[in-house]
Amino acid sequence: MVAMARRKDQAARREHLIAATLTVIARHGLSGVTMKNIAEEAGISPRLVAYYYPELDGLVEAAHQAATDRYYWSRQQVVAGDLSPVEKLGRLMYSGLPRGEDLLLSQVLDEISVSASRSPMHATLMTLLFDREVSLYTAVLEVGRATGVFTLVDEADAIARNFVALEDAFGLHLLAHNSSLTLERAEEQLASYALAATGVRVTPTRPDLPNTAKKA
């Protein structure tokens, strides 16, 4: 029992350090990730951080893994349940832009993506996240086509990749505070692509709001 409690305490401490690292990355970028900054954010000593993660790179890798997992699962949850393809597509489009509770994860993933080309591990995680997001869109588009709701102009996989690429591009500019692009404008652009690709007017929709299909 003592050993089990100790393992739980250690797991909780690692989770706490990962959360602190995510916050530091979001606030200061990767250049600001130091044992000292993480320790301050976590409210512990740098020595204790080093006890659980002797190498800083190991902690950053764990934080990146956690960010990709949490971001993907949060998107998967918005399309869970008995929803129409239009509702699911609208929810995916809404969840793909940086906002609300997922803003910190979006900031972290944006910061880490810059270093992906210099790190095989980061590149692998970014690739995995991209492919998983594409799979969410692909499933919704294929059901919409099979049920006659969508008239796709291309293969579902190709359209799905375009959706994710657009989200990533808009997210980059929104996080950079590009004054030429607002969240509302990004939503309009996604809706425009959805209409062109599916033949249906679908708008980015909060999970707690309905979205109805309108043929073009």
N, C-alpha and C. Protein backbone atom coordinates (compact mmCIF):
# COMPACT_ATOMS: atom_id res chain seq x y z
N MET A 1 0.81 -1.21 0.00
CA MET A 1 0.00 0.00 0.00
C MET A 1 0.85 1.26 0.00
N VAL A 2 1.95 1.21 0.77
CA VAL A 2 2.83 2.37 0.82
C VAL A 2 3.47 2.63 -0.53
N ALA A 3 3.90 1.53 -1.20
CA ALA A 3 4.53 1.66 -2.51
C ALA A 3 3.55 2.21 -3.54
N MET A 4 2.29 1.73 -3.47
CA MET A 4 1.27 2.21 -4.40
C MET A 4 1.00 3.70 -4.19
N ALA A 5 0.91 4.13 -2.94
CA ALA A 5 0.69 5.54 -2.64
C ALA A 5 1.84 6.39 -3.13
N ARG A 6 3.05 5.85 -3.00
CA ARG A 6 4.23 6.58 -3.45
C ARG A 6 4.22 6.75 -4.97
N ARG A 7 3.82 5.69 -5.68
CA ARG A 7 3.75 5.78 -7.14
C ARG A 7 2.71 6.81 -7.58
N LYS A 8 1.58 6.84 -6.87
CA LYS A 8 0.54 7.82 -7.18
C LYS A 8 1.04 9.24 -6.94
N ASP A 9 1.77 9.41 -5.83
CA ASP A 9 2.32 10.74 -5.52
C ASP A 9 3.32 11.16 -6.59
N GLN A 10 4.14 10.23 -7.03
CA GLN A 10 5.13 10.55 -8.07
C GLN A 10 4.45 10.88 -9.39
N ALA A 11 3.41 10.13 -9.72
CA ALA A 11 2.67 10.40 -10.96
C ALA A 11 2.00 11.77 -10.89
N ALA A 12 1.45 12.11 -9.73
CA ALA A 12 0.81 13.42 -9.56
C ALA A 12 1.84 14.53 -9.67
N ARG A 13 3.02 14.30 -9.11
CA ARG A 13 4.08 15.31 -9.18
C ARG A 13 4.54 15.53 -10.62
N ARG A 14 4.66 14.44 -11.38
CA ARG A 14 5.04 14.56 -12.79
C ARG A 14 3.98 15.32 -13.58
N GLU A 15 2.72 15.03 -13.30
CA GLU A 15 1.63 15.74 -13.98
C GLU A 15 1.68 17.23 -13.65
N HIS A 16 1.98 17.53 -12.40
CA HIS A 16 2.09 18.93 -11.96
C HIS A 16 3.23 19.63 -12.70
N LEU A 17 4.35 18.95 -12.84
CA LEU A 17 5.49 19.54 -13.54
C LEU A 17 5.20 19.72 -15.03
N ILE A 18 4.49 18.77 -15.61
CA ILE A 18 4.13 18.89 -17.03
C ILE A 18 3.20 20.09 -17.22
N ALA A 19 2.23 20.25 -16.32
CA ALA A 19 1.31 21.39 -16.41
C ALA A 19 2.07 22.71 -16.29
N ALA A 20 3.03 22.75 -15.37
CA ALA A 20 3.83 23.96 -15.20
C ALA A 20 4.66 24.24 -16.45
N THR A 21 5.20 23.19 -17.06
CA THR A 21 6.00 23.36 -18.27
C THR A 21 5.15 23.88 -19.42
N LEU A 22 3.94 23.38 -19.55
CA LEU A 22 3.03 23.86 -20.60
C LEU A 22 2.76 25.35 -20.42
N THR A 23 2.56 25.76 -19.19
CA THR A 23 2.30 27.18 -18.92
C THR A 23 3.53 28.03 -19.27
N VAL A 24 4.71 27.55 -18.91
CA VAL A 24 5.94 28.30 -19.21
C VAL A 24 6.15 28.42 -20.72
N ILE A 25 5.92 27.34 -21.44
CA ILE A 25 6.08 27.38 -22.90
C ILE A 25 5.10 28.37 -23.51
N ALA A 26 3.85 28.35 -23.06
CA ALA A 26 2.84 29.24 -23.60
C ALA A 26 3.17 30.71 -23.32
N ARG A 27 3.72 30.98 -22.15
CA ARG A 27 4.01 32.36 -21.76
C ARG A 27 5.31 32.89 -22.33
N HIS A 28 6.34 32.03 -22.34
CA HIS A 28 7.68 32.51 -22.66
C HIS A 28 8.30 31.88 -23.90
N GLY A 29 7.63 30.89 -24.51
CA GLY A 29 8.23 30.21 -25.64
C GLY A 29 9.26 29.20 -25.17
N LEU A 30 9.77 28.42 -26.09
CA LEU A 30 10.74 27.39 -25.72
C LEU A 30 12.02 28.00 -25.15
N SER A 31 12.36 29.20 -25.61
CA SER A 31 13.59 29.83 -25.11
C SER A 31 13.50 30.17 -23.63
N GLY A 32 12.27 30.26 -23.13
CA GLY A 32 12.09 30.58 -21.72
C GLY A 32 11.92 29.38 -20.82
N VAL A 33 12.07 28.19 -21.40
CA VAL A 33 11.91 26.96 -20.62
C VAL A 33 13.23 26.64 -19.92
N THR A 34 13.27 26.88 -18.63
CA THR A 34 14.43 26.56 -17.81
C THR A 34 13.95 25.83 -16.56
N MET A 35 14.84 25.13 -15.92
CA MET A 35 14.49 24.47 -14.67
C MET A 35 13.98 25.49 -13.65
N LYS A 36 14.61 26.65 -13.64
CA LYS A 36 14.24 27.70 -12.69
C LYS A 36 12.83 28.19 -12.95
N ASN A 37 12.49 28.49 -14.21
CA ASN A 37 11.16 28.99 -14.53
C ASN A 37 10.07 27.95 -14.26
N ILE A 38 10.39 26.70 -14.59
CA ILE A 38 9.42 25.63 -14.34
C ILE A 38 9.21 25.44 -12.83
N ALA A 39 10.30 25.49 -12.09
CA ALA A 39 10.22 25.34 -10.63
C ALA A 39 9.38 26.46 -10.02
N GLU A 40 9.58 27.69 -10.49
CA GLU A 40 8.81 28.81 -9.97
C GLU A 40 7.33 28.65 -10.27
N GLU A 41 7.03 28.22 -11.49
CA GLU A 41 5.63 28.02 -11.88
C GLU A 41 4.99 26.90 -11.07
N ALA A 42 5.77 25.85 -10.80
CA ALA A 42 5.26 24.71 -10.05
C ALA A 42 5.26 24.93 -8.55
N GLY A 43 6.00 25.94 -8.10
CA GLY A 43 6.07 26.22 -6.67
C GLY A 43 6.94 25.25 -5.91
N ILE A 44 7.98 24.75 -6.58
CA ILE A 44 8.92 23.83 -5.93
C ILE A 44 10.34 24.27 -6.26
N SER A 45 11.31 23.54 -5.76
CA SER A 45 12.71 23.90 -6.00
C SER A 45 13.20 23.30 -7.33
N PRO A 46 14.14 23.97 -7.99
CA PRO A 46 14.73 23.41 -9.22
C PRO A 46 15.33 22.03 -8.99
N ARG A 47 15.85 21.79 -7.80
CA ARG A 47 16.44 20.49 -7.48
C ARG A 47 15.39 19.39 -7.55
N LEU A 48 14.17 19.70 -7.10
CA LEU A 48 13.10 18.70 -7.13
C LEU A 48 12.63 18.45 -8.57
N VAL A 49 12.64 19.50 -9.38
CA VAL A 49 12.31 19.32 -10.80
C VAL A 49 13.32 18.36 -11.43
N ALA A 50 14.59 18.58 -11.14
CA ALA A 50 15.65 17.74 -11.70
C ALA A 50 15.58 16.31 -11.18
N TYR A 51 15.03 16.13 -9.99
CA TYR A 51 14.88 14.78 -9.45
C TYR A 51 13.94 13.95 -10.32
N TYR A 52 12.84 14.55 -10.75
CA TYR A 52 11.86 13.84 -11.57
C TYR A 52 12.23 13.84 -13.05
N TYR A 53 12.87 14.91 -13.48
CA TYR A 53 13.29 15.01 -14.89
C TYR A 53 14.73 15.53 -14.93
N PRO A 54 15.70 14.63 -14.85
CA PRO A 54 17.12 15.04 -14.84
C PRO A 54 17.50 15.86 -16.07
N GLU A 55 16.89 15.55 -17.22
CA GLU A 55 17.18 16.28 -18.45
C GLU A 55 15.99 17.17 -18.81
N LEU A 56 16.25 18.43 -19.07
CA LEU A 56 15.19 19.37 -19.41
C LEU A 56 14.46 18.94 -20.68
N ASP A 57 15.21 18.40 -21.65
CA ASP A 57 14.60 17.94 -22.89
C ASP A 57 13.54 16.86 -22.64
N GLY A 58 13.81 16.02 -21.65
CA GLY A 58 12.86 14.96 -21.32
C GLY A 58 11.54 15.53 -20.82
N LEU A 59 11.61 16.61 -20.05
CA LEU A 59 10.40 17.25 -19.54
C LEU A 59 9.64 17.96 -20.66
N VAL A 60 10.38 18.60 -21.55
CA VAL A 60 9.75 19.26 -22.69
C VAL A 60 9.06 18.24 -23.59
N GLU A 61 9.70 17.10 -23.79
CA GLU A 61 9.11 16.04 -24.59
C GLU A 61 7.83 15.52 -23.94
N ALA A 62 7.86 15.34 -22.64
CA ALA A 62 6.67 14.87 -21.92
C ALA A 62 5.54 15.90 -22.02
N ALA A 63 5.90 17.17 -21.95
CA ALA A 63 4.90 18.23 -22.08
C ALA A 63 4.30 18.25 -23.48
N HIS A 64 5.13 18.06 -24.48
CA HIS A 64 4.64 18.04 -25.86
C HIS A 64 3.70 16.86 -26.07
N GLN A 65 4.08 15.70 -25.56
CA GLN A 65 3.23 14.52 -25.66
C GLN A 65 1.87 14.78 -25.00
N ALA A 66 1.90 15.39 -23.83
CA ALA A 66 0.66 15.68 -23.11
C ALA A 66 -0.20 16.68 -23.88
N ALA A 67 0.45 17.69 -24.46
CA ALA A 67 -0.30 18.71 -25.21
C ALA A 67 -0.99 18.12 -26.42
N THR A 68 -0.28 17.28 -27.18
CA THR A 68 -0.88 16.68 -28.37
C THR A 68 -2.02 15.74 -27.99
N ASP A 69 -1.84 14.96 -26.95
CA ASP A 69 -2.89 14.03 -26.51
C ASP A 69 -4.13 14.78 -26.05
N ARG A 70 -3.93 15.79 -25.22
CA ARG A 70 -5.08 16.53 -24.68
C ARG A 70 -5.80 17.31 -25.77
N TYR A 71 -5.05 17.88 -26.68
CA TYR A 71 -5.68 18.65 -27.76
C TYR A 71 -6.51 17.74 -28.66
N TYR A 72 -5.95 16.58 -29.00
CA TYR A 72 -6.68 15.66 -29.86
C TYR A 72 -7.93 15.13 -29.16
N TRP A 73 -7.80 14.70 -27.93
CA TRP A 73 -8.95 14.13 -27.23
C TRP A 73 -10.03 15.17 -27.00
N SER A 74 -9.66 16.42 -26.80
CA SER A 74 -10.67 17.46 -26.64
C SER A 74 -11.46 17.64 -27.94
N ARG A 75 -10.80 17.47 -29.07
CA ARG A 75 -11.48 17.58 -30.36
C ARG A 75 -12.34 16.34 -30.62
N GLN A 76 -11.86 15.20 -30.20
CA GLN A 76 -12.64 13.99 -30.39
C GLN A 76 -13.94 14.04 -29.59
N GLN A 77 -13.86 14.62 -28.41
CA GLN A 77 -15.04 14.68 -27.55
C GLN A 77 -16.14 15.54 -28.14
N VAL A 78 -15.80 16.59 -28.89
CA VAL A 78 -16.84 17.48 -29.40
C VAL A 78 -17.67 16.83 -30.50
N VAL A 79 -17.17 15.73 -31.08
CA VAL A 79 -17.94 15.05 -32.13
C VAL A 79 -18.47 13.70 -31.66
N ALA A 80 -18.38 13.46 -30.36
CA ALA A 80 -18.89 12.20 -29.81
C ALA A 80 -20.41 12.28 -29.69
N GLY A 81 -21.06 11.14 -29.79
CA GLY A 81 -22.50 11.10 -29.61
C GLY A 81 -23.27 11.03 -30.91
N ASP A 82 -24.57 11.02 -30.79
CA ASP A 82 -25.47 10.88 -31.94
C ASP A 82 -25.76 12.24 -32.55
N LEU A 83 -24.86 12.69 -33.41
CA LEU A 83 -24.97 13.99 -34.05
C LEU A 83 -24.99 13.82 -35.56
N SER A 84 -25.55 14.78 -36.24
CA SER A 84 -25.55 14.74 -37.70
C SER A 84 -24.17 15.11 -38.23
N PRO A 85 -23.86 14.73 -39.48
CA PRO A 85 -22.57 15.11 -40.06
C PRO A 85 -22.37 16.63 -40.08
N VAL A 86 -23.44 17.37 -40.29
CA VAL A 86 -23.33 18.83 -40.31
C VAL A 86 -22.96 19.36 -38.93
N GLU A 87 -23.60 18.83 -37.89
CA GLU A 87 -23.28 19.25 -36.53
C GLU A 87 -21.83 18.92 -36.18
N LYS A 88 -21.41 17.72 -36.55
CA LYS A 88 -20.04 17.32 -36.24
C LYS A 88 -19.02 18.17 -36.99
N LEU A 89 -19.30 18.45 -38.26
CA LEU A 89 -18.36 19.28 -39.03
C LEU A 89 -18.27 20.67 -38.44
N GLY A 90 -19.42 21.25 -38.08
CA GLY A 90 -19.41 22.58 -37.47
C GLY A 90 -18.64 22.62 -36.17
N ARG A 91 -18.77 21.57 -35.37
CA ARG A 91 -18.04 21.51 -34.10
C ARG A 91 -16.54 21.35 -34.32
N LEU A 92 -16.16 20.53 -35.29
CA LEU A 92 -14.74 20.38 -35.59
C LEU A 92 -14.14 21.70 -36.04
N MET A 93 -14.84 22.41 -36.90
CA MET A 93 -14.34 23.70 -37.39
C MET A 93 -14.19 24.69 -36.24
N TYR A 94 -15.13 24.67 -35.32
CA TYR A 94 -15.06 25.57 -34.16
C TYR A 94 -13.87 25.23 -33.27
N SER A 95 -13.66 23.94 -33.03
CA SER A 95 -12.61 23.51 -32.10
C SER A 95 -11.22 23.61 -32.70
N GLY A 96 -11.11 23.85 -34.00
CA GLY A 96 -9.81 23.89 -34.65
C GLY A 96 -9.10 25.23 -34.58
N LEU A 97 -9.79 26.25 -34.05
CA LEU A 97 -9.17 27.57 -33.93
C LEU A 97 -8.85 27.86 -32.46
N PRO A 98 -7.76 28.56 -32.19
CA PRO A 98 -7.35 28.82 -30.80
C PRO A 98 -8.35 29.70 -30.06
N ARG A 99 -8.87 29.16 -28.96
CA ARG A 99 -9.85 29.90 -28.17
C ARG A 99 -10.08 29.19 -26.84
N GLY A 100 -10.63 29.91 -25.89
CA GLY A 100 -11.12 29.32 -24.66
C GLY A 100 -10.14 28.44 -23.92
N GLU A 101 -10.66 27.30 -23.46
CA GLU A 101 -9.86 26.40 -22.63
C GLU A 101 -8.69 25.78 -23.38
N ASP A 102 -8.80 25.69 -24.70
CA ASP A 102 -7.73 25.08 -25.49
C ASP A 102 -6.68 26.09 -25.95
N LEU A 103 -6.82 27.34 -25.55
CA LEU A 103 -5.89 28.37 -26.01
C LEU A 103 -4.47 28.06 -25.57
N LEU A 104 -4.28 27.64 -24.33
CA LEU A 104 -2.94 27.34 -23.84
C LEU A 104 -2.32 26.22 -24.65
N LEU A 105 -3.09 25.15 -24.93
CA LEU A 105 -2.55 24.04 -25.72
C LEU A 105 -2.20 24.50 -27.12
N SER A 106 -3.03 25.37 -27.69
CA SER A 106 -2.73 25.89 -29.03
C SER A 106 -1.44 26.69 -29.03
N GLN A 107 -1.23 27.49 -27.99
CA GLN A 107 0.00 28.27 -27.89
C GLN A 107 1.22 27.36 -27.76
N VAL A 108 1.08 26.32 -26.95
CA VAL A 108 2.19 25.39 -26.76
C VAL A 108 2.53 24.68 -28.07
N LEU A 109 1.52 24.18 -28.75
CA LEU A 109 1.77 23.45 -30.00
C LEU A 109 2.35 24.38 -31.06
N ASP A 110 1.92 25.63 -31.07
CA ASP A 110 2.47 26.60 -32.01
C ASP A 110 3.95 26.85 -31.73
N GLU A 111 4.29 27.01 -30.46
CA GLU A 111 5.69 27.25 -30.09
C GLU A 111 6.57 26.04 -30.44
N ILE A 112 6.07 24.85 -30.15
CA ILE A 112 6.88 23.65 -30.36
C ILE A 112 7.01 23.32 -31.85
N SER A 113 6.00 23.66 -32.64
CA SER A 113 6.06 23.35 -34.07
C SER A 113 7.25 24.01 -34.75
N VAL A 114 7.68 25.14 -34.19
CA VAL A 114 8.82 25.85 -34.76
C VAL A 114 10.09 25.00 -34.67
N SER A 115 10.19 24.21 -33.61
CA SER A 115 11.40 23.41 -33.41
C SER A 115 11.28 22.01 -33.99
N ALA A 116 10.12 21.69 -34.58
CA ALA A 116 9.89 20.33 -35.05
C ALA A 116 10.92 19.90 -36.10
N SER A 117 11.34 20.85 -36.94
CA SER A 117 12.29 20.50 -38.00
C SER A 117 13.67 20.16 -37.45
N ARG A 118 13.93 20.55 -36.21
CA ARG A 118 15.24 20.29 -35.60
C ARG A 118 15.19 19.13 -34.61
N SER A 119 14.02 18.53 -34.43
CA SER A 119 13.89 17.45 -33.46
C SER A 119 13.01 16.34 -34.03
N PRO A 120 13.57 15.17 -34.28
CA PRO A 120 12.77 14.05 -34.79
C PRO A 120 11.59 13.71 -33.89
N MET A 121 11.77 13.81 -32.57
CA MET A 121 10.69 13.50 -31.65
C MET A 121 9.53 14.47 -31.79
N HIS A 122 9.86 15.78 -31.83
CA HIS A 122 8.81 16.78 -31.98
C HIS A 122 8.13 16.63 -33.34
N ALA A 123 8.90 16.36 -34.37
CA ALA A 123 8.33 16.18 -35.71
C ALA A 123 7.38 14.99 -35.73
N THR A 124 7.75 13.92 -35.06
CA THR A 124 6.89 12.74 -35.00
C THR A 124 5.58 13.04 -34.30
N LEU A 125 5.64 13.76 -33.19
CA LEU A 125 4.42 14.10 -32.46
C LEU A 125 3.53 15.05 -33.26
N MET A 126 4.12 16.01 -33.97
CA MET A 126 3.32 16.92 -34.79
C MET A 126 2.66 16.16 -35.94
N THR A 127 3.39 15.21 -36.52
CA THR A 127 2.83 14.40 -37.60
C THR A 127 1.67 13.56 -37.09
N LEU A 128 1.86 12.96 -35.92
CA LEU A 128 0.80 12.14 -35.34
C LEU A 128 -0.45 12.96 -35.07
N LEU A 129 -0.28 14.15 -34.52
CA LEU A 129 -1.43 15.00 -34.24
C LEU A 129 -2.15 15.38 -35.53
N PHE A 130 -1.40 15.76 -36.54
CA PHE A 130 -1.99 16.13 -37.82
C PHE A 130 -2.81 14.98 -38.38
N ASP A 131 -2.23 13.80 -38.39
CA ASP A 131 -2.92 12.63 -38.95
C ASP A 131 -4.18 12.29 -38.16
N ARG A 132 -4.12 12.43 -36.85
CA ARG A 132 -5.29 12.12 -36.03
C ARG A 132 -6.40 13.15 -36.26
N GLU A 133 -6.04 14.41 -36.42
CA GLU A 133 -7.04 15.43 -36.70
C GLU A 133 -7.66 15.21 -38.07
N VAL A 134 -6.85 14.83 -39.04
CA VAL A 134 -7.36 14.53 -40.37
C VAL A 134 -8.35 13.37 -40.30
N SER A 135 -8.05 12.38 -39.47
CA SER A 135 -8.94 11.22 -39.35
C SER A 135 -10.31 11.62 -38.82
N LEU A 136 -10.36 12.61 -37.91
CA LEU A 136 -11.64 13.08 -37.39
C LEU A 136 -12.48 13.69 -38.50
N TYR A 137 -11.87 14.57 -39.28
CA TYR A 137 -12.57 15.20 -40.39
C TYR A 137 -12.99 14.16 -41.43
N THR A 138 -12.08 13.25 -41.75
CA THR A 138 -12.36 12.25 -42.78
C THR A 138 -13.59 11.42 -42.42
N ALA A 139 -13.68 10.98 -41.17
CA ALA A 139 -14.81 10.17 -40.74
C ALA A 139 -16.13 10.92 -40.90
N VAL A 140 -16.14 12.19 -40.51
CA VAL A 140 -17.36 12.99 -40.61
C VAL A 140 -17.75 13.21 -42.07
N LEU A 141 -16.78 13.51 -42.90
CA LEU A 141 -17.05 13.76 -44.32
C LEU A 141 -17.55 12.51 -45.02
N GLU A 142 -16.98 11.37 -44.68
CA GLU A 142 -17.39 10.12 -45.33
C GLU A 142 -18.82 9.74 -44.95
N VAL A 143 -19.19 9.94 -43.69
CA VAL A 143 -20.57 9.67 -43.28
C VAL A 143 -21.52 10.64 -43.97
N GLY A 144 -21.11 11.92 -44.05
CA GLY A 144 -21.95 12.91 -44.73
C GLY A 144 -22.18 12.57 -46.19
N ARG A 145 -21.14 12.08 -46.85
CA ARG A 145 -21.28 11.67 -48.25
C ARG A 145 -22.15 10.43 -48.38
N ALA A 146 -21.94 9.46 -47.49
CA ALA A 146 -22.69 8.21 -47.56
C ALA A 146 -24.18 8.41 -47.31
N THR A 147 -24.53 9.40 -46.49
CA THR A 147 -25.93 9.65 -46.18
C THR A 147 -26.57 10.68 -47.11
N GLY A 148 -25.80 11.18 -48.06
CA GLY A 148 -26.34 12.13 -49.03
C GLY A 148 -26.41 13.56 -48.54
N VAL A 149 -25.84 13.83 -47.37
CA VAL A 149 -25.86 15.19 -46.83
C VAL A 149 -24.83 16.06 -47.54
N PHE A 150 -23.63 15.51 -47.76
CA PHE A 150 -22.56 16.25 -48.42
C PHE A 150 -22.37 15.76 -49.86
N THR A 151 -22.05 16.70 -50.72
CA THR A 151 -21.61 16.38 -52.08
C THR A 151 -20.15 16.83 -52.17
N LEU A 152 -19.25 15.90 -51.93
CA LEU A 152 -17.84 16.25 -51.84
C LEU A 152 -17.23 16.50 -53.21
N VAL A 153 -16.38 17.52 -53.29
CA VAL A 153 -15.74 17.86 -54.56
C VAL A 153 -14.42 17.11 -54.74
N ASP A 154 -13.99 16.40 -53.71
CA ASP A 154 -12.73 15.66 -53.77
C ASP A 154 -12.84 14.49 -52.80
N GLU A 155 -11.79 13.68 -52.72
CA GLU A 155 -11.78 12.60 -51.75
C GLU A 155 -11.87 13.17 -50.33
N ALA A 156 -12.55 12.45 -49.46
CA ALA A 156 -12.74 12.93 -48.09
C ALA A 156 -11.40 13.20 -47.40
N ASP A 157 -10.42 12.35 -47.64
CA ASP A 157 -9.10 12.52 -47.01
C ASP A 157 -8.44 13.82 -47.46
N ALA A 158 -8.56 14.16 -48.74
CA ALA A 158 -7.96 15.39 -49.26
C ALA A 158 -8.63 16.62 -48.66
N ILE A 159 -9.95 16.59 -48.58
CA ILE A 159 -10.67 17.72 -47.98
C ILE A 159 -10.32 17.85 -46.51
N ALA A 160 -10.22 16.72 -45.82
CA ALA A 160 -9.87 16.73 -44.40
C ALA A 160 -8.50 17.37 -44.17
N ARG A 161 -7.55 17.02 -45.02
CA ARG A 161 -6.21 17.60 -44.88
C ARG A 161 -6.24 19.11 -45.11
N ASN A 162 -7.06 19.55 -46.04
CA ASN A 162 -7.19 20.99 -46.28
C ASN A 162 -7.78 21.70 -45.07
N PHE A 163 -8.78 21.09 -44.44
CA PHE A 163 -9.37 21.69 -43.25
C PHE A 163 -8.32 21.87 -42.16
N VAL A 164 -7.56 20.83 -41.88
CA VAL A 164 -6.56 20.90 -40.81
C VAL A 164 -5.45 21.90 -41.17
N ALA A 165 -5.05 21.92 -42.43
CA ALA A 165 -4.02 22.87 -42.86
C ALA A 165 -4.51 24.31 -42.72
N LEU A 166 -5.77 24.55 -43.06
CA LEU A 166 -6.34 25.89 -42.90
C LEU A 166 -6.39 26.29 -41.43
N GLU A 167 -6.82 25.36 -40.59
CA GLU A 167 -6.86 25.64 -39.15
C GLU A 167 -5.48 26.02 -38.63
N ASP A 168 -4.50 25.26 -39.03
CA ASP A 168 -3.14 25.52 -38.56
C ASP A 168 -2.65 26.89 -39.02
N ALA A 169 -2.94 27.22 -40.27
CA ALA A 169 -2.50 28.51 -40.82
C ALA A 169 -3.21 29.66 -40.12
N PHE A 170 -4.52 29.56 -39.97
CA PHE A 170 -5.26 30.62 -39.28
C PHE A 170 -4.81 30.72 -37.82
N GLY A 171 -4.61 29.57 -37.18
CA GLY A 171 -4.19 29.57 -35.79
C GLY A 171 -2.86 30.28 -35.60
N LEU A 172 -1.94 30.05 -36.52
CA LEU A 172 -0.63 30.70 -36.46
C LEU A 172 -0.77 32.22 -36.47
N HIS A 173 -1.60 32.74 -37.37
CA HIS A 173 -1.78 34.19 -37.48
C HIS A 173 -2.56 34.76 -36.29
N LEU A 174 -3.54 34.01 -35.81
CA LEU A 174 -4.31 34.49 -34.65
C LEU A 174 -3.44 34.55 -33.40
N LEU A 175 -2.61 33.54 -33.19
CA LEU A 175 -1.73 33.54 -32.03
C LEU A 175 -0.65 34.61 -32.13
N ALA A 176 -0.31 34.97 -33.37
CA ALA A 176 0.68 36.03 -33.59
C ALA A 176 0.04 37.42 -33.56
N HIS A 177 -1.26 37.47 -33.30
CA HIS A 177 -2.01 38.73 -33.23
C HIS A 177 -1.91 39.52 -34.54
N ASN A 178 -2.02 38.81 -35.63
CA ASN A 178 -2.05 39.46 -36.95
C ASN A 178 -3.31 40.32 -37.03
N SER A 179 -3.13 41.63 -37.15
CA SER A 179 -4.28 42.55 -37.12
C SER A 179 -5.16 42.42 -38.36
N SER A 180 -4.68 41.72 -39.39
CA SER A 180 -5.47 41.55 -40.60
C SER A 180 -6.40 40.34 -40.52
N LEU A 181 -6.30 39.57 -39.44
CA LEU A 181 -7.13 38.37 -39.31
C LEU A 181 -7.72 38.30 -37.90
N THR A 182 -9.04 38.24 -37.84
CA THR A 182 -9.73 38.08 -36.57
C THR A 182 -10.27 36.65 -36.48
N LEU A 183 -10.68 36.27 -35.29
CA LEU A 183 -11.26 34.95 -35.10
C LEU A 183 -12.53 34.81 -35.95
N GLU A 184 -13.33 35.87 -36.00
CA GLU A 184 -14.55 35.83 -36.79
C GLU A 184 -14.25 35.66 -38.28
N ARG A 185 -13.22 36.35 -38.75
CA ARG A 185 -12.83 36.24 -40.15
C ARG A 185 -12.32 34.83 -40.46
N ALA A 186 -11.56 34.26 -39.56
CA ALA A 186 -11.08 32.90 -39.75
C ALA A 186 -12.24 31.92 -39.83
N GLU A 187 -13.25 32.12 -38.98
CA GLU A 187 -14.44 31.27 -39.02
C GLU A 187 -15.15 31.40 -40.36
N GLU A 188 -15.23 32.62 -40.87
CA GLU A 188 -15.88 32.84 -42.17
C GLU A 188 -15.12 32.13 -43.28
N GLN A 189 -13.81 32.14 -43.19
CA GLN A 189 -12.99 31.49 -44.22
C GLN A 189 -13.18 29.97 -44.18
N LEU A 190 -13.24 29.41 -42.99
CA LEU A 190 -13.49 27.97 -42.87
C LEU A 190 -14.87 27.62 -43.40
N ALA A 191 -15.86 28.46 -43.10
CA ALA A 191 -17.22 28.21 -43.59
C ALA A 191 -17.26 28.29 -45.11
N SER A 192 -16.50 29.21 -45.67
CA SER A 192 -16.44 29.34 -47.12
C SER A 192 -15.87 28.09 -47.76
N TYR A 193 -14.82 27.56 -47.14
CA TYR A 193 -14.23 26.33 -47.69
C TYR A 193 -15.18 25.16 -47.52
N ALA A 194 -15.87 25.09 -46.39
CA ALA A 194 -16.82 24.01 -46.15
C ALA A 194 -17.90 23.99 -47.23
N LEU A 195 -18.40 25.16 -47.58
CA LEU A 195 -19.42 25.26 -48.62
C LEU A 195 -18.87 24.79 -49.96
N ALA A 196 -17.68 25.24 -50.30
CA ALA A 196 -17.08 24.87 -51.58
C ALA A 196 -16.77 23.38 -51.64
N ALA A 197 -16.39 22.79 -50.52
CA ALA A 197 -15.96 21.39 -50.51
C ALA A 197 -17.10 20.40 -50.34
N THR A 198 -18.19 20.82 -49.68
CA THR A 198 -19.27 19.88 -49.36
C THR A 198 -20.60 20.22 -50.00
N GLY A 199 -20.74 21.45 -50.50
CA GLY A 199 -22.02 21.88 -51.05
C GLY A 199 -23.05 22.25 -50.00
N VAL A 200 -22.61 22.34 -48.75
CA VAL A 200 -23.52 22.66 -47.65
C VAL A 200 -22.96 23.84 -46.86
N ARG A 201 -23.86 24.73 -46.45
CA ARG A 201 -23.44 25.85 -45.62
C ARG A 201 -23.30 25.39 -44.17
N VAL A 202 -22.07 25.23 -43.75
CA VAL A 202 -21.78 24.81 -42.39
C VAL A 202 -20.92 25.88 -41.75
N THR A 203 -21.28 26.29 -40.57
CA THR A 203 -20.50 27.31 -39.87
C THR A 203 -19.87 26.72 -38.61
N PRO A 204 -18.70 27.23 -38.21
CA PRO A 204 -18.11 26.77 -36.94
C PRO A 204 -19.10 26.98 -35.80
N THR A 205 -19.37 25.93 -35.06
CA THR A 205 -20.44 25.96 -34.06
C THR A 205 -19.96 25.47 -32.71
N ARG A 206 -20.24 26.24 -31.66
CA ARG A 206 -19.94 25.79 -30.31
C ARG A 206 -20.65 24.49 -30.03
N PRO A 207 -20.03 23.57 -29.28
CA PRO A 207 -20.62 22.26 -29.04
C PRO A 207 -22.03 22.29 -28.45
N ASP A 208 -22.40 23.37 -27.74
CA ASP A 208 -23.71 23.41 -27.11
C ASP A 208 -24.77 24.11 -27.96
N LEU A 209 -24.42 24.40 -29.24
CA LEU A 209 -25.37 25.05 -30.13
C LEU A 209 -25.64 24.18 -31.34
N PRO A 210 -26.88 24.21 -31.89
CA PRO A 210 -27.20 23.39 -33.07
C PRO A 210 -26.68 24.03 -34.35
N ASN A 211 -26.50 23.20 -35.37
CA ASN A 211 -26.11 23.67 -36.70
C ASN A 211 -26.95 22.90 -37.71
N THR A 212 -27.63 23.59 -38.59
CA THR A 212 -28.50 22.93 -39.56
C THR A 212 -27.93 23.07 -40.96
N ALA A 213 -28.19 22.04 -41.77
CA ALA A 213 -27.64 22.02 -43.12
C ALA A 213 -28.46 22.87 -44.07
N LYS A 214 -27.78 23.59 -44.95
CA LYS A 214 -28.43 24.34 -46.00
C LYS A 214 -27.67 24.10 -47.28
N LYS A 215 -28.32 23.49 -48.23
CA LYS A 215 -27.68 23.23 -49.51
C LYS A 215 -27.40 24.55 -50.22
N ALA A 216 -26.30 24.58 -50.95
CA ALA A 216 -25.94 25.79 -51.68
C ALA A 216 -26.93 26.03 -52.80
